[in-house]
PDB file of all heavy atoms in Angstrom:
ATOM      1  N   GLN A   1     122.811 -55.843 -88.604  1.00  0.00           N
ATOM      2  CA  GLN A   1     121.931 -54.997 -87.797  1.00  0.00           C
ATOM      3  C   GLN A   1     120.629 -55.702 -87.406  1.00  0.00           C
ATOM      4  O   GLN A   1     119.542 -55.172 -87.581  1.00  0.00           O
ATOM      5  CB  GLN A   1     121.632 -53.681 -88.529  1.00  0.00           C
ATOM      6  CG  GLN A   1     122.865 -52.843 -88.796  1.00  0.00           C
ATOM      7  CD  GLN A   1     122.629 -51.689 -89.764  1.00  0.00           C
ATOM      8  OE1 GLN A   1     123.534 -51.302 -90.491  1.00  0.00           O
ATOM      9  NE2 GLN A   1     121.446 -51.102 -89.758  1.00  0.00           N
ATOM     10  N   ILE A   2     120.756 -56.917 -86.861  1.00  0.00           N
ATOM     11  CA  ILE A   2     119.579 -57.681 -86.447  1.00  0.00           C
ATOM     12  C   ILE A   2     119.005 -57.091 -85.161  1.00  0.00           C
ATOM     13  O   ILE A   2     119.735 -56.834 -84.209  1.00  0.00           O
ATOM     14  CB  ILE A   2     119.934 -59.166 -86.240  1.00  0.00           C
ATOM     15  CG1 ILE A   2     120.324 -59.803 -87.582  1.00  0.00           C
ATOM     16  CG2 ILE A   2     118.761 -59.931 -85.621  1.00  0.00           C
ATOM     17  CD1 ILE A   2     120.767 -61.252 -87.471  1.00  0.00           C
ATOM     18  N   THR A   3     117.694 -56.875 -85.150  1.00  0.00           N
ATOM     19  CA  THR A   3     117.001 -56.378 -83.964  1.00  0.00           C
ATOM     20  C   THR A   3     115.769 -57.244 -83.704  1.00  0.00           C
ATOM     21  O   THR A   3     115.420 -58.112 -84.509  1.00  0.00           O
ATOM     22  CB  THR A   3     116.568 -54.912 -84.129  1.00  0.00           C
ATOM     23  OG1 THR A   3     115.608 -54.830 -85.204  1.00  0.00           O
ATOM     24  CG2 THR A   3     117.758 -54.019 -84.438  1.00  0.00           C
ATOM     25  N   GLY A   4     115.109 -56.988 -82.583  1.00  0.00           N
ATOM     26  CA  GLY A   4     113.857 -57.670 -82.288  1.00  0.00           C
ATOM     27  C   GLY A   4     112.746 -57.227 -83.215  1.00  0.00           C
ATOM     28  O   GLY A   4     112.899 -56.270 -83.981  1.00  0.00           O
ATOM     29  N   PRO A   5     111.610 -57.914 -83.185  1.00  0.00           N
ATOM     30  CA  PRO A   5     110.507 -57.568 -84.084  1.00  0.00           C
ATOM     31  C   PRO A   5     109.956 -56.180 -83.819  1.00  0.00           C
ATOM     32  O   PRO A   5     109.950 -55.704 -82.684  1.00  0.00           O
ATOM     33  CB  PRO A   5     109.461 -58.653 -83.790  1.00  0.00           C
ATOM     34  CG  PRO A   5     109.787 -59.157 -82.433  1.00  0.00           C
ATOM     35  CD  PRO A   5     111.278 -59.050 -82.295  1.00  0.00           C
ATOM     36  N   ARG A   6     109.509 -55.536 -84.877  1.00  0.00           N
ATOM     37  CA  ARG A   6     108.891 -54.220 -84.759  1.00  0.00           C
ATOM     38  C   ARG A   6     107.467 -54.379 -84.232  1.00  0.00           C
ATOM     39  O   ARG A   6     106.656 -55.100 -84.808  1.00  0.00           O
ATOM     40  CB  ARG A   6     108.882 -53.493 -86.099  1.00  0.00           C
ATOM     41  CG  ARG A   6     110.252 -53.201 -86.660  1.00  0.00           C
ATOM     42  CD  ARG A   6     110.210 -52.106 -87.705  1.00  0.00           C
ATOM     43  NE  ARG A   6     109.250 -52.322 -88.738  1.00  0.00           N
ATOM     44  CZ  ARG A   6     108.980 -51.436 -89.720  1.00  0.00           C
ATOM     45  NH1 ARG A   6     109.629 -50.296 -89.762  1.00  0.00           N
ATOM     46  NH2 ARG A   6     108.090 -51.703 -90.641  1.00  0.00           N
ATOM     47  N   GLU A   7     107.175 -53.672 -83.138  1.00  0.00           N
ATOM     48  CA  GLU A   7     105.845 -53.725 -82.551  1.00  0.00           C
ATOM     49  C   GLU A   7     104.831 -52.942 -83.358  1.00  0.00           C
ATOM     50  O   GLU A   7     103.656 -53.282 -83.387  1.00  0.00           O
ATOM     51  CB  GLU A   7     105.888 -53.185 -81.119  1.00  0.00           C
ATOM     52  CG  GLU A   7     106.709 -54.019 -80.146  1.00  0.00           C
ATOM     53  CD  GLU A   7     106.020 -55.303 -79.736  1.00  0.00           C
ATOM     54  OE1 GLU A   7     104.788 -55.408 -79.923  1.00  0.00           O
ATOM     55  OE2 GLU A   7     106.716 -56.215 -79.242  1.00  0.00           O
ATOM     56  N   LYS A   8     105.309 -51.876 -83.991  1.00  0.00           N
ATOM     57  CA  LYS A   8     104.408 -51.002 -84.728  1.00  0.00           C
ATOM     58  C   LYS A   8     105.052 -50.589 -86.044  1.00  0.00           C
ATOM     59  O   LYS A   8     106.257 -50.399 -86.120  1.00  0.00           O
ATOM     60  CB  LYS A   8     104.058 -49.759 -83.911  1.00  0.00           C
ATOM     61  CG  LYS A   8     103.256 -50.036 -82.648  1.00  0.00           C
ATOM     62  CD  LYS A   8     102.883 -48.747 -81.941  1.00  0.00           C
ATOM     63  CE  LYS A   8     102.015 -49.016 -80.727  1.00  0.00           C
ATOM     64  NZ  LYS A   8     101.591 -47.761 -80.052  1.00  0.00           N
ATOM     65  N   THR A   9     104.220 -50.469 -87.054  1.00  0.00           N
ATOM     66  CA  THR A   9     104.686 -49.965 -88.331  1.00  0.00           C
ATOM     67  C   THR A   9     103.508 -49.351 -89.069  1.00  0.00           C
ATOM     68  O   THR A   9     102.406 -49.260 -88.530  1.00  0.00           O
ATOM     69  CB  THR A   9     105.348 -51.086 -89.158  1.00  0.00           C
ATOM     70  OG1 THR A   9     105.886 -50.539 -90.361  1.00  0.00           O
ATOM     71  CG2 THR A   9     104.356 -52.180 -89.496  1.00  0.00           C
ATOM     72  N   GLY A  10     103.731 -48.932 -90.302  1.00  0.00           N
ATOM     73  CA  GLY A  10     102.675 -48.287 -91.078  1.00  0.00           C
ATOM     74  C   GLY A  10     101.707 -49.294 -91.676  1.00  0.00           C
ATOM     75  O   GLY A  10     101.334 -50.268 -91.028  1.00  0.00           O
ATOM     76  N   SER A  11     101.319 -49.067 -92.913  1.00  0.00           N
ATOM     77  CA  SER A  11     100.318 -49.914 -93.563  1.00  0.00           C
ATOM     78  C   SER A  11     100.913 -50.572 -94.792  1.00  0.00           C
ATOM     79  O   SER A  11     101.767 -50.003 -95.469  1.00  0.00           O
ATOM     80  CB  SER A  11      99.094 -49.078 -93.957  1.00  0.00           C
ATOM     81  OG  SER A  11      98.585 -48.355 -92.851  1.00  0.00           O
ATOM     82  N   THR A  12     100.451 -51.778 -95.089  1.00  0.00           N
ATOM     83  CA  THR A  12     100.898 -52.507 -96.265  1.00  0.00           C
ATOM     84  C   THR A  12      99.790 -53.429 -96.741  1.00  0.00           C
ATOM     85  O   THR A  12      99.040 -53.994 -95.942  1.00  0.00           O
ATOM     86  CB  THR A  12     102.170 -53.326 -95.980  1.00  0.00           C
ATOM     87  OG1 THR A  12     102.450 -54.172 -97.122  1.00  0.00           O
ATOM     88  CG2 THR A  12     102.008 -54.208 -94.750  1.00  0.00           C
ATOM     89  N   ASP A  13      99.711 -53.619 -98.051  1.00  0.00           N
ATOM     90  CA  ASP A  13      98.706 -54.535 -98.585  1.00  0.00           C
ATOM     91  C   ASP A  13      99.069 -55.994 -98.343  1.00  0.00           C
ATOM     92  O   ASP A  13      98.240 -56.883 -98.580  1.00  0.00           O
ATOM     93  CB  ASP A  13      98.435 -54.277-100.069  1.00  0.00           C
ATOM     94  CG  ASP A  13      99.679 -54.253-100.932  1.00  0.00           C
ATOM     95  OD1 ASP A  13     100.776 -54.566-100.427  1.00  0.00           O
ATOM     96  OD2 ASP A  13      99.585 -53.916-102.131  1.00  0.00           O
ATOM     97  N   LEU A  14     100.286 -56.268 -97.862  1.00  0.00           N
ATOM     98  CA  LEU A  14     100.597 -57.628 -97.417  1.00  0.00           C
ATOM     99  C   LEU A  14      99.690 -58.033 -96.267  1.00  0.00           C
ATOM    100  O   LEU A  14      99.389 -59.216 -96.100  1.00  0.00           O
ATOM    101  CB  LEU A  14     102.070 -57.732 -96.997  1.00  0.00           C
ATOM    102  CG  LEU A  14     102.520 -59.102 -96.455  1.00  0.00           C
ATOM    103  CD1 LEU A  14     102.367 -60.192 -97.512  1.00  0.00           C
ATOM    104  CD2 LEU A  14     103.965 -59.035 -95.952  1.00  0.00           C
ATOM    105  N   GLY A  15      99.246 -57.058 -95.466  1.00  0.00           N
ATOM    106  CA  GLY A  15      98.319 -57.356 -94.380  1.00  0.00           C
ATOM    107  C   GLY A  15      97.068 -58.058 -94.876  1.00  0.00           C
ATOM    108  O   GLY A  15      96.556 -58.980 -94.226  1.00  0.00           O
ATOM    109  N   ASN A  16      96.562 -57.676 -96.045  1.00  0.00           N
ATOM    110  CA  ASN A  16      95.377 -58.320 -96.616  1.00  0.00           C
ATOM    111  C   ASN A  16      95.662 -59.758 -97.018  1.00  0.00           C
ATOM    112  O   ASN A  16      94.831 -60.654 -96.820  1.00  0.00           O
ATOM    113  CB  ASN A  16      94.886 -57.524 -97.829  1.00  0.00           C
ATOM    114  CG  ASN A  16      94.405 -56.135 -97.462  1.00  0.00           C
ATOM    115  OD1 ASN A  16      95.152 -55.337 -96.901  1.00  0.00           O
ATOM    116  ND2 ASN A  16      93.162 -55.822 -97.771  1.00  0.00           N
ATOM    117  N   VAL A  17      96.842 -60.000 -97.588  1.00  0.00           N
ATOM    118  CA  VAL A  17      97.220 -61.351 -97.993  1.00  0.00           C
ATOM    119  C   VAL A  17      97.308 -62.264 -96.779  1.00  0.00           C
ATOM    120  O   VAL A  17      96.982 -63.453 -96.850  1.00  0.00           O
ATOM    121  CB  VAL A  17      98.555 -61.337 -98.753  1.00  0.00           C
ATOM    122  CG1 VAL A  17      98.969 -62.761 -99.150  1.00  0.00           C
ATOM    123  CG2 VAL A  17      98.472 -60.444 -99.983  1.00  0.00           C
ATOM    124  N   MET A  18      97.704 -61.706 -95.631  1.00  0.00           N
ATOM    125  CA  MET A  18      97.865 -62.503 -94.423  1.00  0.00           C
ATOM    126  C   MET A  18      96.540 -62.902 -93.797  1.00  0.00           C
ATOM    127  O   MET A  18      96.522 -63.577 -92.770  1.00  0.00           O
ATOM    128  CB  MET A  18      98.756 -61.759 -93.423  1.00  0.00           C
ATOM    129  CG  MET A  18     100.217 -61.686 -93.898  1.00  0.00           C
ATOM    130  SD  MET A  18     101.272 -60.537 -92.959  1.00  0.00           S
ATOM    131  CE  MET A  18     101.324 -61.341 -91.387  1.00  0.00           C
ATOM    132  N   TYR A  19      95.410 -62.502 -94.391  1.00  0.00           N
ATOM    133  CA  TYR A  19      94.110 -63.050 -94.050  1.00  0.00           C
ATOM    134  C   TYR A  19      93.809 -64.280 -94.909  1.00  0.00           C
ATOM    135  O   TYR A  19      92.846 -64.982 -94.667  1.00  0.00           O
ATOM    136  CB  TYR A  19      93.006 -61.999 -94.233  1.00  0.00           C
ATOM    137  CG  TYR A  19      92.955 -60.980 -93.117  1.00  0.00           C
ATOM    138  CD1 TYR A  19      93.943 -60.019 -92.985  1.00  0.00           C
ATOM    139  CD2 TYR A  19      91.922 -60.983 -92.181  1.00  0.00           C
ATOM    140  CE1 TYR A  19      93.913 -59.092 -91.963  1.00  0.00           C
ATOM    141  CE2 TYR A  19      91.878 -60.055 -91.159  1.00  0.00           C
ATOM    142  CZ  TYR A  19      92.887 -59.106 -91.049  1.00  0.00           C
ATOM    143  OH  TYR A  19      92.850 -58.181 -90.020  1.00  0.00           O
ATOM    144  N   GLU A  20      94.635 -64.514 -95.915  1.00  0.00           N
ATOM    145  CA  GLU A  20      94.481 -65.648 -96.819  1.00  0.00           C
ATOM    146  C   GLU A  20      95.376 -66.816 -96.396  1.00  0.00           C
ATOM    147  O   GLU A  20      94.926 -67.965 -96.336  1.00  0.00           O
ATOM    148  CB  GLU A  20      94.842 -65.220 -98.246  1.00  0.00           C
ATOM    149  CG  GLU A  20      94.529 -66.242 -99.320  1.00  0.00           C
ATOM    150  CD  GLU A  20      93.081 -66.216 -99.745  1.00  0.00           C
ATOM    151  OE1 GLU A  20      92.482 -65.143 -99.935  1.00  0.00           O
ATOM    152  OE2 GLU A  20      92.537 -67.322 -99.883  1.00  0.00           O
ATOM    153  N   VAL A  21      96.649 -66.510 -96.100  1.00  0.00           N
ATOM    154  CA  VAL A  21      97.646 -67.517 -95.738  1.00  0.00           C
ATOM    155  C   VAL A  21      98.607 -66.923 -94.710  1.00  0.00           C
ATOM    156  O   VAL A  21      98.712 -65.701 -94.592  1.00  0.00           O
ATOM    157  CB  VAL A  21      98.455 -67.991 -96.969  1.00  0.00           C
ATOM    158  CG1 VAL A  21      97.569 -68.756 -97.945  1.00  0.00           C
ATOM    159  CG2 VAL A  21      99.143 -66.806 -97.658  1.00  0.00           C
ATOM    160  N   PRO A  22      99.344 -67.766 -93.963  1.00  0.00           N
ATOM    161  CA  PRO A  22     100.393 -67.231 -93.099  1.00  0.00           C
ATOM    162  C   PRO A  22     101.428 -66.487 -93.932  1.00  0.00           C
ATOM    163  O   PRO A  22     101.767 -66.905 -95.036  1.00  0.00           O
ATOM    164  CB  PRO A  22     101.006 -68.490 -92.458  1.00  0.00           C
ATOM    165  CG  PRO A  22      99.975 -69.562 -92.639  1.00  0.00           C
ATOM    166  CD  PRO A  22      99.241 -69.237 -93.894  1.00  0.00           C
ATOM    167  N   GLY A  23     101.910 -65.371 -93.410  1.00  0.00           N
ATOM    168  CA  GLY A  23     102.852 -64.571 -94.172  1.00  0.00           C
ATOM    169  C   GLY A  23     103.845 -63.847 -93.295  1.00  0.00           C
ATOM    170  O   GLY A  23     103.653 -63.691 -92.090  1.00  0.00           O
ATOM    171  N   CYS A  24     104.933 -63.404 -93.931  1.00  0.00           N
ATOM    172  CA  CYS A  24     105.963 -62.659 -93.215  1.00  0.00           C
ATOM    173  C   CYS A  24     106.836 -61.922 -94.216  1.00  0.00           C
ATOM    174  O   CYS A  24     107.097 -62.423 -95.318  1.00  0.00           O
ATOM    175  CB  CYS A  24     106.830 -63.595 -92.372  1.00  0.00           C
ATOM    176  SG  CYS A  24     108.116 -62.732 -91.412  1.00  0.00           S
ATOM    177  N   CYS A  25     107.281 -60.751 -93.824  1.00  0.00           N
ATOM    178  CA  CYS A  25     108.240 -59.979 -94.611  1.00  0.00           C
ATOM    179  C   CYS A  25     109.512 -59.812 -93.794  1.00  0.00           C
ATOM    180  O   CYS A  25     109.464 -59.284 -92.673  1.00  0.00           O
ATOM    181  CB  CYS A  25     107.656 -58.606 -94.978  1.00  0.00           C
ATOM    182  SG  CYS A  25     108.811 -57.523 -95.858  1.00  0.00           S
ATOM    183  N   ILE A  26     110.642 -60.253 -94.321  1.00  0.00           N
ATOM    184  CA  ILE A  26     111.919 -60.025 -93.661  1.00  0.00           C
ATOM    185  C   ILE A  26     112.461 -58.673 -94.121  1.00  0.00           C
ATOM    186  O   ILE A  26     112.597 -58.410 -95.324  1.00  0.00           O
ATOM    187  CB  ILE A  26     112.942 -61.153 -93.949  1.00  0.00           C
ATOM    188  CG1 ILE A  26     114.290 -60.831 -93.272  1.00  0.00           C
ATOM    189  CG2 ILE A  26     113.102 -61.402 -95.437  1.00  0.00           C
ATOM    190  CD1 ILE A  26     114.241 -60.750 -91.772  1.00  0.00           C
ATOM    191  N   ARG A  27     112.704 -57.818 -93.175  1.00  0.00           N
ATOM    192  CA  ARG A  27     113.321 -56.526 -93.462  1.00  0.00           C
ATOM    193  C   ARG A  27     114.828 -56.669 -93.310  1.00  0.00           C
ATOM    194  O   ARG A  27     115.302 -57.154 -92.286  1.00  0.00           O
ATOM    195  CB  ARG A  27     112.759 -55.453 -92.530  1.00  0.00           C
ATOM    196  CG  ARG A  27     111.246 -55.287 -92.706  1.00  0.00           C
ATOM    197  CD  ARG A  27     110.657 -54.176 -91.857  1.00  0.00           C
ATOM    198  NE  ARG A  27     109.225 -54.085 -92.082  1.00  0.00           N
ATOM    199  CZ  ARG A  27     108.658 -53.360 -93.039  1.00  0.00           C
ATOM    200  NH1 ARG A  27     109.422 -52.643 -93.858  1.00  0.00           N
ATOM    201  NH2 ARG A  27     107.343 -53.334 -93.201  1.00  0.00           N
ATOM    202  N   THR A  28     115.574 -56.259 -94.334  1.00  0.00           N
ATOM    203  CA  THR A  28     117.020 -56.417 -94.317  1.00  0.00           C
ATOM    204  C   THR A  28     117.688 -55.048 -94.330  1.00  0.00           C
ATOM    205  O   THR A  28     117.337 -54.174 -95.123  1.00  0.00           O
ATOM    206  CB  THR A  28     117.505 -57.262 -95.508  1.00  0.00           C
ATOM    207  OG1 THR A  28     117.040 -56.690 -96.738  1.00  0.00           O
ATOM    208  CG2 THR A  28     116.970 -58.681 -95.403  1.00  0.00           C
ATOM    209  N   ALA A  29     118.674 -54.882 -93.462  1.00  0.00           N
ATOM    210  CA  ALA A  29     119.277 -53.574 -93.217  1.00  0.00           C
ATOM    211  C   ALA A  29     120.171 -53.117 -94.366  1.00  0.00           C
ATOM    212  O   ALA A  29     120.976 -53.905 -94.890  1.00  0.00           O
ATOM    213  CB  ALA A  29     120.081 -53.617 -91.923  1.00  0.00           C
ATOM    214  N   PHE A  30     120.037 -51.851 -94.739  1.00  0.00           N
ATOM    215  CA  PHE A  30     120.930 -51.255 -95.734  1.00  0.00           C
ATOM    216  C   PHE A  30     121.259 -49.796 -95.414  1.00  0.00           C
ATOM    217  O   PHE A  30     122.063 -49.182 -96.110  1.00  0.00           O
ATOM    218  CB  PHE A  30     120.339 -51.391 -97.140  1.00  0.00           C
ATOM    219  CG  PHE A  30     119.313 -50.339 -97.512  1.00  0.00           C
ATOM    220  CD1 PHE A  30     119.567 -49.431 -98.514  1.00  0.00           C
ATOM    221  CD2 PHE A  30     118.088 -50.279 -96.855  1.00  0.00           C
ATOM    222  CE1 PHE A  30     118.630 -48.470 -98.873  1.00  0.00           C
ATOM    223  CE2 PHE A  30     117.152 -49.332 -97.205  1.00  0.00           C
ATOM    224  CZ  PHE A  30     117.411 -48.422 -98.216  1.00  0.00           C
ATOM    225  N   VAL A  31     120.624 -49.224 -94.409  1.00  0.00           N
ATOM    226  CA  VAL A  31     120.885 -47.857 -93.958  1.00  0.00           C
ATOM    227  C   VAL A  31     121.072 -47.881 -92.443  1.00  0.00           C
ATOM    228  O   VAL A  31     120.710 -48.862 -91.783  1.00  0.00           O
ATOM    229  CB  VAL A  31     119.735 -46.894 -94.345  1.00  0.00           C
ATOM    230  CG1 VAL A  31     119.690 -46.669 -95.845  1.00  0.00           C
ATOM    231  CG2 VAL A  31     118.391 -47.427 -93.843  1.00  0.00           C
ATOM    232  N   PRO A  32     121.628 -46.841 -91.842  1.00  0.00           N
ATOM    233  CA  PRO A  32     121.796 -46.818 -90.388  1.00  0.00           C
ATOM    234  C   PRO A  32     120.464 -46.942 -89.651  1.00  0.00           C
ATOM    235  O   PRO A  32     119.432 -46.488 -90.145  1.00  0.00           O
ATOM    236  CB  PRO A  32     122.452 -45.450 -90.134  1.00  0.00           C
ATOM    237  CG  PRO A  32     123.120 -45.099 -91.417  1.00  0.00           C
ATOM    238  CD  PRO A  32     122.247 -45.662 -92.494  1.00  0.00           C
ATOM    239  N   GLU A  33     120.503 -47.573 -88.478  1.00  0.00           N
ATOM    240  CA  GLU A  33     119.299 -47.700 -87.664  1.00  0.00           C
ATOM    241  C   GLU A  33     118.711 -46.329 -87.365  1.00  0.00           C
ATOM    242  O   GLU A  33     119.432 -45.381 -87.078  1.00  0.00           O
ATOM    243  CB  GLU A  33     119.612 -48.439 -86.361  1.00  0.00           C
ATOM    244  CG  GLU A  33     119.916 -49.927 -86.557  1.00  0.00           C
ATOM    245  CD  GLU A  33     120.041 -50.680 -85.251  1.00  0.00           C
ATOM    246  OE1 GLU A  33     119.209 -50.413 -84.364  1.00  0.00           O
ATOM    247  OE2 GLU A  33     120.942 -51.528 -85.119  1.00  0.00           O
ATOM    248  N   GLY A  34     117.392 -46.249 -87.421  1.00  0.00           N
ATOM    249  CA  GLY A  34     116.704 -44.994 -87.165  1.00  0.00           C
ATOM    250  C   GLY A  34     116.436 -44.167 -88.405  1.00  0.00           C
ATOM    251  O   GLY A  34     115.720 -43.163 -88.327  1.00  0.00           O
ATOM    252  N   THR A  35     116.978 -44.554 -89.554  1.00  0.00           N
ATOM    253  CA  THR A  35     116.744 -43.819 -90.792  1.00  0.00           C
ATOM    254  C   THR A  35     115.278 -43.948 -91.207  1.00  0.00           C
ATOM    255  O   THR A  35     114.716 -45.042 -91.207  1.00  0.00           O
ATOM    256  CB  THR A  35     117.640 -44.334 -91.923  1.00  0.00           C
ATOM    257  OG1 THR A  35     119.008 -44.276 -91.513  1.00  0.00           O
ATOM    258  CG2 THR A  35     117.462 -43.499 -93.185  1.00  0.00           C
ATOM    259  N   ALA A  36     114.663 -42.830 -91.558  1.00  0.00           N
ATOM    260  CA  ALA A  36     113.252 -42.829 -91.927  1.00  0.00           C
ATOM    261  C   ALA A  36     113.069 -43.320 -93.357  1.00  0.00           C
ATOM    262  O   ALA A  36     113.857 -42.978 -94.253  1.00  0.00           O
ATOM    263  CB  ALA A  36     112.665 -41.427 -91.780  1.00  0.00           C
ATOM    264  N   ALA A  37     112.022 -44.128 -93.561  1.00  0.00           N
ATOM    265  CA  ALA A  37     111.655 -44.542 -94.912  1.00  0.00           C
ATOM    266  C   ALA A  37     111.112 -43.357 -95.689  1.00  0.00           C
ATOM    267  O   ALA A  37     110.714 -42.344 -95.123  1.00  0.00           O
ATOM    268  CB  ALA A  37     110.633 -45.671 -94.858  1.00  0.00           C
TER     269      ALA A  37
END
């Protein structure tokens, strides 16, 4: 279920770490597309 990058999402403290170093989180599919977290 590979898709393009998400333009918008909620909040995460990884955002703070990405002011320290380059960072990225790979999201891997396990539920149908469109399923709410």
